[in-house]
Amino acid sequence: MRRLFRRGERVRSKIDGKVMEVLKYLKANLVEVRWFDLEKKEIRTNKLPEDKLSKAA
């Protein structure tokens, strides 16, 4: 299994363009990420497939 991202790395979601931080890998293709929700003013976590993410500039 080749991992594209490391823990703590900033990535961009291809779905909605949010910049997120990688927390950990859960399975072969599933990544747990977190981001700051501006509307609710709190930190959110979510699990996304690795192919829906790209490196943030």
Protein backbone atom coordinates (compact mmCIF):
# COMPACT_ATOMS: atom_id res chain seq x y z
CA MET A 1 0.00 0.00 0.00
CA ARG A 2 1.44 3.33 -1.05
CA ARG A 3 0.30 6.28 1.02
CA LEU A 4 0.14 9.61 -0.75
CA PHE A 5 -0.05 11.79 2.36
CA ARG A 6 1.60 11.88 5.76
CA ARG A 7 0.11 12.76 9.12
CA GLY A 8 -0.19 16.51 9.65
CA GLU A 9 0.04 17.32 5.94
CA ARG A 10 -2.33 19.88 4.39
CA VAL A 11 -4.54 18.52 1.62
CA ARG A 12 -7.32 19.97 -0.54
CA SER A 13 -10.62 18.20 -1.10
CA LYS A 14 -11.51 17.65 -4.75
CA ILE A 15 -15.18 17.57 -3.76
CA ASP A 16 -15.62 21.09 -2.34
CA GLY A 17 -12.12 22.66 -2.29
CA LYS A 18 -11.69 22.82 1.50
CA VAL A 19 -8.17 22.70 2.91
CA MET A 20 -7.87 19.93 5.49
CA GLU A 21 -5.24 18.31 7.69
CA VAL A 22 -4.53 14.57 7.57
CA LEU A 23 -5.01 12.88 10.96
CA LYS A 24 -4.44 9.20 10.11
CA TYR A 25 -5.04 6.41 7.63
CA LEU A 26 -7.88 4.08 8.59
CA LYS A 27 -7.80 1.51 5.77
CA ALA A 28 -6.00 1.08 2.46
CA ASN A 29 -7.78 4.04 0.86
CA LEU A 30 -9.62 5.80 3.71
CA VAL A 31 -8.12 8.89 5.37
CA GLU A 32 -9.35 10.71 8.47
CA VAL A 33 -9.10 14.48 8.05
CA ARG A 34 -10.04 17.57 10.04
CA TRP A 35 -10.85 21.15 9.09
CA PHE A 36 -12.18 24.31 10.67
CA ASP A 37 -15.85 25.01 9.96
CA LEU A 38 -16.20 28.80 9.57
CA GLU A 39 -19.99 28.87 9.95
CA LYS A 40 -20.16 26.87 13.19
CA LYS A 41 -16.70 28.02 14.40
CA GLU A 42 -15.57 24.54 15.41
CA ILE A 43 -13.24 21.79 14.24
CA ARG A 44 -14.82 18.99 12.21
CA THR A 45 -13.43 15.55 11.42
CA ASN A 46 -14.43 13.30 8.55
CA LYS A 47 -13.32 10.17 6.70
CA LEU A 48 -12.66 10.54 2.97
CA PRO A 49 -11.25 8.29 0.25
CA GLU A 50 -7.65 9.08 -0.62
CA ASP A 51 -8.44 9.64 -4.30
CA LYS A 52 -10.78 12.56 -3.42
CA LEU A 53 -7.84 14.53 -1.97
CA SER A 54 -4.88 16.36 -3.50
CA LYS A 55 -1.88 18.17 -2.02
CA ALA A 56 -2.61 21.76 -0.99
CA ALA A 57 -0.43 24.53 -2.41
